[in-house]
C-alpha atoms as a PDB file:
ATOM      1  CA  MET A   1      -0.006 -19.558 -38.179  1.00  0.00           C
ATOM      2  CA  LYS A   2       0.363 -15.951 -36.084  1.00  0.00           C
ATOM      3  CA  LYS A   3      -2.556 -14.311 -37.989  1.00  0.00           C
ATOM      4  CA  LYS A   4      -4.670 -17.667 -36.931  1.00  0.00           C
ATOM      5  CA  PHE A   5      -3.236 -17.381 -33.166  1.00  0.00           C
ATOM      6  CA  ASP A   6      -4.071 -13.511 -33.096  1.00  0.00           C
ATOM      7  CA  MET A   7      -7.522 -14.346 -34.542  1.00  0.00           C
ATOM      8  CA  GLN A   8      -7.970 -17.007 -31.850  1.00  0.00           C
ATOM      9  CA  GLU A   9      -6.853 -14.392 -28.927  1.00  0.00           C
ATOM     10  CA  GLN A  10      -9.570 -11.917 -30.528  1.00  0.00           C
ATOM     11  CA  LEU A  11     -12.053 -14.302 -30.435  1.00  0.00           C
ATOM     12  CA  PHE A  12     -11.522 -15.117 -26.624  1.00  0.00           C
ATOM     13  CA  ALA A  13     -10.930 -11.246 -25.974  1.00  0.00           C
ATOM     14  CA  GLN A  14     -14.465 -10.804 -27.431  1.00  0.00           C
ATOM     15  CA  SER A  15     -15.768 -13.624 -25.219  1.00  0.00           C
ATOM     16  CA  LEU A  16     -14.292 -12.506 -22.077  1.00  0.00           C
ATOM     17  CA  LYS A  17     -15.517  -9.093 -22.763  1.00  0.00           C
ATOM     18  CA  ASN A  18     -19.029 -10.474 -23.346  1.00  0.00           C
ATOM     19  CA  GLY A  19     -19.003 -11.729 -19.595  1.00  0.00           C
ATOM     20  CA  GLU A  20     -18.466 -15.403 -20.730  1.00  0.00           C
ATOM     21  CA  LEU A  21     -16.076 -17.244 -18.103  1.00  0.00           C
ATOM     22  CA  HIS A  22     -14.225 -19.577 -20.978  1.00  0.00           C
ATOM     23  CA  GLY A  23     -12.965 -16.352 -22.211  1.00  0.00           C
ATOM     24  CA  PHE A  24     -11.904 -15.432 -18.686  1.00  0.00           C
ATOM     25  CA  GLU A  25     -10.327 -19.027 -18.453  1.00  0.00           C
ATOM     26  CA  TYR A  26      -8.318 -18.987 -21.577  1.00  0.00           C
ATOM     27  CA  PHE A  27      -6.435 -15.724 -20.369  1.00  0.00           C
ATOM     28  CA  PHE A  28      -5.788 -16.911 -17.033  1.00  0.00           C
ATOM     29  CA  TRP A  29      -3.959 -20.147 -17.643  1.00  0.00           C
ATOM     30  CA  LYS A  30      -2.200 -18.700 -20.833  1.00  0.00           C
ATOM     31  CA  TYR A  31      -0.445 -15.856 -19.062  1.00  0.00           C
ATOM     32  CA  SER A  32      -0.880 -16.280 -15.442  1.00  0.00           C
ATOM     33  CA  LYS A  33       2.353 -18.223 -14.924  1.00  0.00           C
ATOM     34  CA  GLU A  34       4.395 -15.389 -17.081  1.00  0.00           C
ATOM     35  CA  LEU A  35       2.737 -12.655 -15.210  1.00  0.00           C
ATOM     36  CA  PHE A  36       3.912 -14.372 -12.214  1.00  0.00           C
ATOM     37  CA  HIS A  37       7.242 -14.392 -13.303  1.00  0.00           C
ATOM     38  CA  PHE A  38       7.234 -11.174 -14.160  1.00  0.00           C
ATOM     39  CA  ALA A  39       6.266  -9.623 -10.771  1.00  0.00           C
ATOM     40  CA  TYR A  40       8.536 -12.121  -8.903  1.00  0.00           C
ATOM     41  CA  ASN A  41      11.393 -10.495 -11.000  1.00  0.00           C
ATOM     42  CA  LEU A  42      10.661  -6.856 -10.030  1.00  0.00           C
ATOM     43  CA  LEU A  43       9.524  -7.666  -6.473  1.00  0.00           C
ATOM     44  CA  LYS A  44      11.605 -10.574  -5.445  1.00  0.00           C
ATOM     45  CA  SER A  45       8.774 -11.902  -3.354  1.00  0.00           C
ATOM     46  CA  ALA A  46       6.388 -14.495  -4.469  1.00  0.00           C
ATOM     47  CA  ALA A  47       3.658 -13.637  -2.286  1.00  0.00           C
ATOM     48  CA  GLU A  48       3.441 -10.052  -3.411  1.00  0.00           C
ATOM     49  CA  ALA A  49       3.956 -11.651  -7.038  1.00  0.00           C
ATOM     50  CA  GLU A  50       0.768 -13.856  -6.496  1.00  0.00           C
ATOM     51  CA  GLU A  51      -0.962 -10.867  -5.334  1.00  0.00           C
ATOM     52  CA  ILE A  52      -0.381  -8.821  -8.073  1.00  0.00           C
ATOM     53  CA  VAL A  53      -1.396 -11.487 -10.524  1.00  0.00           C
ATOM     54  CA  GLN A  54      -4.667 -12.120  -8.907  1.00  0.00           C
ATOM     55  CA  ASN A  55      -5.194  -8.154  -8.866  1.00  0.00           C
ATOM     56  CA  VAL A  56      -4.761  -8.264 -12.689  1.00  0.00           C
ATOM     57  CA  PHE A  57      -7.198 -10.801 -13.285  1.00  0.00           C
ATOM     58  CA  LEU A  58      -9.691  -9.495 -10.838  1.00  0.00           C
ATOM     59  CA  LYS A  59      -9.502  -5.744 -12.431  1.00  0.00           C
ATOM     60  CA  VAL A  60      -9.618  -7.709 -15.916  1.00  0.00           C
ATOM     61  CA  TRP A  61     -13.024  -9.217 -14.912  1.00  0.00           C
ATOM     62  CA  GLU A  62     -14.318  -6.389 -13.146  1.00  0.00           C
ATOM     63  CA  ARG A  63     -13.339  -4.158 -16.390  1.00  0.00           C
ATOM     64  CA  ARG A  64     -14.459  -6.757 -18.989  1.00  0.00           C
ATOM     65  CA  SER A  65     -16.882  -4.561 -20.540  1.00  0.00           C
ATOM     66  CA  GLN A  66     -14.047  -2.195 -21.452  1.00  0.00           C
ATOM     67  CA  ILE A  67     -11.886  -4.796 -23.167  1.00  0.00           C
ATOM     68  CA  ASP A  68     -10.848  -3.609 -26.508  1.00  0.00           C
ATOM     69  CA  ALA A  69     -10.651  -6.960 -28.633  1.00  0.00           C
ATOM     70  CA  ASP A  70      -8.965  -5.777 -31.505  1.00  0.00           C
ATOM     71  CA  GLN A  71      -5.510  -4.955 -29.164  1.00  0.00           C
ATOM     72  CA  PRO A  72      -3.237  -7.608 -28.009  1.00  0.00           C
ATOM     73  CA  PHE A  73      -4.242  -8.854 -24.648  1.00  0.00           C
ATOM     74  CA  ARG A  74      -0.710  -9.517 -23.635  1.00  0.00           C
ATOM     75  CA  SER A  75       0.215  -6.182 -23.629  1.00  0.00           C
ATOM     76  CA  TYR A  76      -3.421  -5.351 -21.565  1.00  0.00           C
ATOM     77  CA  LEU A  77      -2.759  -7.946 -18.809  1.00  0.00           C
ATOM     78  CA  PHE A  78       1.431  -6.459 -18.622  1.00  0.00           C
ATOM     79  CA  THR A  79       0.350  -2.982 -18.688  1.00  0.00           C
ATOM     80  CA  ILE A  80      -2.201  -3.511 -15.481  1.00  0.00           C
ATOM     81  CA  ALA A  81       0.843  -5.379 -13.959  1.00  0.00           C
ATOM     82  CA  LEU A  82       3.121  -3.139 -14.429  1.00  0.00           C
ATOM     83  CA  ASN A  83       1.059  -0.054 -13.001  1.00  0.00           C
ATOM     84  CA  ASP A  84       0.281  -2.271 -10.050  1.00  0.00           C
ATOM     85  CA  ILE A  85       3.722  -3.040  -9.017  1.00  0.00           C
ATOM     86  CA  ARG A  86       4.781   0.680  -9.569  1.00  0.00           C
ATOM     87  CA  LYS A  87       1.736   1.772  -7.145  1.00  0.00           C
ATOM     88  CA  LEU A  88       3.132  -1.326  -4.989  1.00  0.00           C
ATOM     89  CA  PHE A  89       6.955   0.437  -5.061  1.00  0.00           C
ATOM     90  CA  ILE A  90       5.307   3.832  -4.303  1.00  0.00           C
ATOM     91  CA  GLU A  91       3.586   2.409  -1.242  1.00  0.00           C
ATOM     92  CA  LYS A  92       6.947   0.710   0.170  1.00  0.00           C
ATOM     93  CA  ALA A  93       8.987   3.631  -0.279  1.00  0.00           C
ATOM     94  CA  ARG A  94       6.375   5.744   1.597  1.00  0.00           C
ATOM     95  CA  GLN A  95       6.292   2.968   4.379  1.00  0.00           C
ATOM     96  CA  ASN A  96      10.358   3.028   4.618  1.00  0.00           C
ATOM     97  CA  LYS A  97      10.358   6.690   4.673  1.00  0.00           C
ATOM     98  CA  PHE A  98       8.501   6.393   8.166  1.00  0.00           C
ATOM     99  CA  LYS A  99      10.555   3.508   9.199  1.00  0.00           C
ATOM    100  CA  ILE A 100      13.862   5.597   8.609  1.00  0.00           C
ATOM    101  CA  GLU A 101      12.260   8.423  10.379  1.00  0.00           C
ATOM    102  CA  LEU A 102      12.030   6.392  13.406  1.00  0.00           C
ATOM    103  CA  PHE A 103      15.315   4.865  13.120  1.00  0.00           C
ATOM    104  CA  GLN A 104      17.036   7.956  12.514  1.00  0.00           C
ATOM    105  CA  PHE A 105      15.410   9.698  16.034  1.00  0.00           C
ATOM    106  CA  LEU A 106      16.302   6.729  17.894  1.00  0.00           C
ATOM    107  CA  VAL A 107      20.134   6.850  16.376  1.00  0.00           C
ATOM    108  CA  GLU A 108      19.704  10.807  17.648  1.00  0.00           C
ATOM    109  CA  GLN A 109      18.785   9.734  20.431  1.00  0.00           C
ATOM    110  CA  GLY A 110      21.614   7.450  21.378  1.00  0.00           C
ATOM    111  CA  ASP A 111      19.822   4.639  22.291  1.00  0.00           C
ATOM    112  CA  GLY A 112      22.246   2.210  23.176  1.00  0.00           C
ATOM    113  CA  SER A 113      24.681   0.751  20.410  1.00  0.00           C
ATOM    114  CA  ASP A 114      22.769  -2.051  19.373  1.00  0.00           C
ATOM    115  CA  GLU A 115      20.485   0.342  17.201  1.00  0.00           C
ATOM    116  CA  GLU A 116      18.937  -2.365  14.534  1.00  0.00           C
ATOM    117  CA  TYR A 117      17.312  -4.369  17.573  1.00  0.00           C
ATOM    118  CA  ASN A 118      16.055  -1.528  19.180  1.00  0.00           C
ATOM    119  CA  PHE A 119      14.973  -0.389  15.769  1.00  0.00           C
ATOM    120  CA  ALA A 120      12.654  -3.868  15.464  1.00  0.00           C
ATOM    121  CA  ARG A 121      11.774  -4.278  19.041  1.00  0.00           C
ATOM    122  CA  TYR A 122      10.361  -0.523  18.995  1.00  0.00           C
ATOM    123  CA  LEU A 123       8.950  -0.691  14.938  1.00  0.00           C
ATOM    124  CA  LYS A 124       6.709  -3.979  16.768  1.00  0.00           C
ATOM    125  CA  LEU A 125       5.650  -1.927  19.908  1.00  0.00           C
ATOM    126  CA  LEU A 126       4.664   1.246  17.549  1.00  0.00           C
ATOM    127  CA  ASP A 127       2.968  -0.971  15.080  1.00  0.00           C
ATOM    128  CA  GLU A 128       0.803  -3.223  18.027  1.00  0.00           C
ATOM    129  CA  GLU A 129      -0.233   0.328  19.485  1.00  0.00           C
ATOM    130  CA  ILE A 130      -1.325   1.548  15.950  1.00  0.00           C
ATOM    131  CA  ASP A 131      -3.322  -1.585  15.944  1.00  0.00           C
ATOM    132  CA  ARG A 132      -5.202  -0.700  18.800  1.00  0.00           C
ATOM    133  CA  LEU A 133      -6.270   2.751  17.604  1.00  0.00           C
ATOM    134  CA  PRO A 134     -10.129   2.562  16.598  1.00  0.00           C
ATOM    135  CA  GLU A 135     -10.770   1.872  12.909  1.00  0.00           C
ATOM    136  CA  LYS A 136     -10.932   4.798  11.325  1.00  0.00           C
ATOM    137  CA  ARG A 137      -8.388   6.952  13.289  1.00  0.00           C
ATOM    138  CA  LYS A 138      -6.047   4.115  12.620  1.00  0.00           C
ATOM    139  CA  GLU A 139      -6.648   4.306   9.202  1.00  0.00           C
ATOM    140  CA  ILE A 140      -6.019   7.771   9.090  1.00  0.00           C
ATOM    141  CA  PHE A 141      -2.764   7.693  11.207  1.00  0.00           C
ATOM    142  CA  CYS A 142      -1.718   4.930   8.491  1.00  0.00           C
ATOM    143  CA  LEU A 143      -2.610   7.067   5.530  1.00  0.00           C
ATOM    144  CA  LEU A 144      -0.923  10.152   6.756  1.00  0.00           C
ATOM    145  CA  LYS A 145       2.162   8.681   8.525  1.00  0.00           C
ATOM    146  CA  LYS A 146       2.609   5.118   7.121  1.00  0.00           C
ATOM    147  CA  GLU A 147       1.401   5.769   3.049  1.00  0.00           C
ATOM    148  CA  GLY A 148       2.765   9.450   3.312  1.00  0.00           C
ATOM    149  CA  LEU A 149      -0.440  11.244   1.986  1.00  0.00           C
ATOM    150  CA  THR A 150      -1.417  14.652   2.570  1.00  0.00           C
ATOM    151  CA  VAL A 151      -4.307  15.554   4.619  1.00  0.00           C
ATOM    152  CA  ALA A 152      -6.208  16.732   1.402  1.00  0.00           C
ATOM    153  CA  GLU A 153      -5.325  13.581   0.051  1.00  0.00           C
ATOM    154  CA  ALA A 154      -6.767  11.630   2.534  1.00  0.00           C
ATOM    155  CA  ALA A 155      -9.356  13.787   3.140  1.00  0.00           C
ATOM    156  CA  HIS A 156     -10.450  13.236  -0.629  1.00  0.00           C
ATOM    157  CA  PHE A 157      -9.967   9.666  -0.321  1.00  0.00           C
ATOM    158  CA  LEU A 158     -11.979   8.851   2.896  1.00  0.00           C
ATOM    159  CA  GLY A 159     -14.621  11.467   1.958  1.00  0.00           C
ATOM    160  CA  VAL A 160     -14.461  13.595   4.852  1.00  0.00           C
ATOM    161  CA  SER A 161     -13.648  17.377   5.537  1.00  0.00           C
ATOM    162  CA  PRO A 162      -9.470  18.143   6.350  1.00  0.00           C
ATOM    163  CA  LYS A 163     -10.633  19.166   9.649  1.00  0.00           C
ATOM    164  CA  THR A 164     -11.314  15.572  10.564  1.00  0.00           C
ATOM    165  CA  VAL A 165      -8.273  14.252   9.458  1.00  0.00           C
ATOM    166  CA  GLU A 166      -6.201  16.910  11.246  1.00  0.00           C
ATOM    167  CA  ASN A 167      -8.060  16.125  14.404  1.00  0.00           C
ATOM    168  CA  GLN A 168      -8.343  12.569  14.114  1.00  0.00           C
ATOM    169  CA  LEU A 169      -4.180  12.258  13.277  1.00  0.00           C
ATOM    170  CA  THR A 170      -3.696  14.418  16.700  1.00  0.00           C
ATOM    171  CA  GLN A 171      -6.021  12.462  18.721  1.00  0.00           C
ATOM    172  CA  ALA A 172      -4.140   8.973  17.515  1.00  0.00           C
ATOM    173  CA  ILE A 173      -0.603  10.360  18.285  1.00  0.00           C
ATOM    174  CA  LYS A 174      -1.944  11.266  21.514  1.00  0.00           C
ATOM    175  CA  SER A 175      -3.413   7.637  22.432  1.00  0.00           C
ATOM    176  CA  ILE A 176       0.021   6.394  21.191  1.00  0.00           C
ATOM    177  CA  ARG A 177       1.903   8.831  23.331  1.00  0.00           C
ATOM    178  CA  ASN A 178      -0.391   8.129  26.273  1.00  0.00           C
ATOM    179  CA  ALA A 179      -0.120   4.152  26.096  1.00  0.00           C
ATOM    180  CA  PHE A 180       4.439   4.527  25.497  1.00  0.00           C
ATOM    181  CA  HIS A 181       3.932   6.747  28.714  1.00  0.00           C
ATOM    182  CA  GLU A 182       2.289   4.169  30.513  1.00  0.00           C
ATOM    183  CA  LYS A 183       4.732   1.321  29.435  1.00  0.00           C
ATOM    184  CA  GLN A 184       7.632   3.384  30.241  1.00  0.00           C
ATOM    185  CA  ALA A 185       8.783   2.961  26.579  1.00  0.00           C
ATOM    186  CA  THR A 186      10.621   6.429  26.919  1.00  0.00           C
ATOM    187  CA  ASN A 187      12.078   6.750  23.329  1.00  0.00           C
ATOM    188  CA  LEU A 188       9.207   5.672  22.002  1.00  0.00           C
ATOM    189  CA  TYR A 189       7.149   8.255  24.028  1.00  0.00           C
ATOM    190  CA  LEU A 190       9.540  10.976  22.614  1.00  0.00           C
ATOM    191  CA  PHE A 191       9.437   9.848  19.211  1.00  0.00           C
ATOM    192  CA  SER A 192       5.087  10.146  19.413  1.00  0.00           C
ATOM    193  CA  LEU A 193       5.883  13.706  21.071  1.00  0.00           C
ATOM    194  CA  HIS A 194       7.969  14.312  17.821  1.00  0.00           C
ATOM    195  CA  LEU A 195       5.464  13.258  15.795  1.00  0.00           C
ATOM    196  CA  LEU A 196       2.525  15.464  17.811  1.00  0.00           C
ATOM    197  CA  GLN A 197       5.177  18.514  17.384  1.00  0.00           C
ATOM    198  CA  VAL A 198       5.374  17.857  13.657  1.00  0.00           C
ATOM    199  CA  SER A 199       1.466  17.212  12.977  1.00  0.00           C
ATOM    200  CA  HIS A 200       0.842  20.424  14.894  1.00  0.00           C
ATOM    201  CA  THR A 201       3.451  22.229  12.479  1.00  0.00           C
ATOM    202  CA  GLN A 202       1.924  21.071   9.783  1.00  0.00           C
ATOM    203  CA  PHE A 203      -1.742  21.701  11.230  1.00  0.00           C
ATOM    204  CA  PRO A 204      -1.752  24.979  13.129  1.00  0.00           C
ATOM    205  CA  SER A 205      -5.386  24.477  13.272  1.00  0.00           C
ATOM    206  CA  CYS A 206      -5.404  21.872  15.650  1.00  0.00           C
END
């Protein structure tokens, strides 16, 4: 029975490799729920787990010509899912590092006794100002300050020079600084100065 089952999967994998939709549908309906539960148990988020499943099958379809029909397809699916989940964990860790930096700065400034409330409020204001940046400037700021990429990594990812990345980051921080100055958001203004100082320390050519 197991041999027949494996042969069936092999045939459907070959069908998928040939670009036939029914091969794709077979594996989607067979494994999508199992993949969702696997991702959910690790991420504890239904939305993120659903996104993982969608991304897995999107990659399967895009890479269908590379499929090895002789290899267990379930393992292939779960390897893709695990790699995507690992990348998501890394992204979250980088984003949390940025949030921790802001929280620590507010604590050091002695911003009242309700740090959690102020942190959430300031983080919201900061995100709003980031969203107002020109698209390319916003992308560069988020890659470096939220996702933790280095200047070289961001430059390679965007296909621009490191100098362009440095200049765009400096301009982004200055725009954020000026916005907080106008709003008289003192602690966020000081935090933006802190970011600018850090940036100039990292990029002395700015």
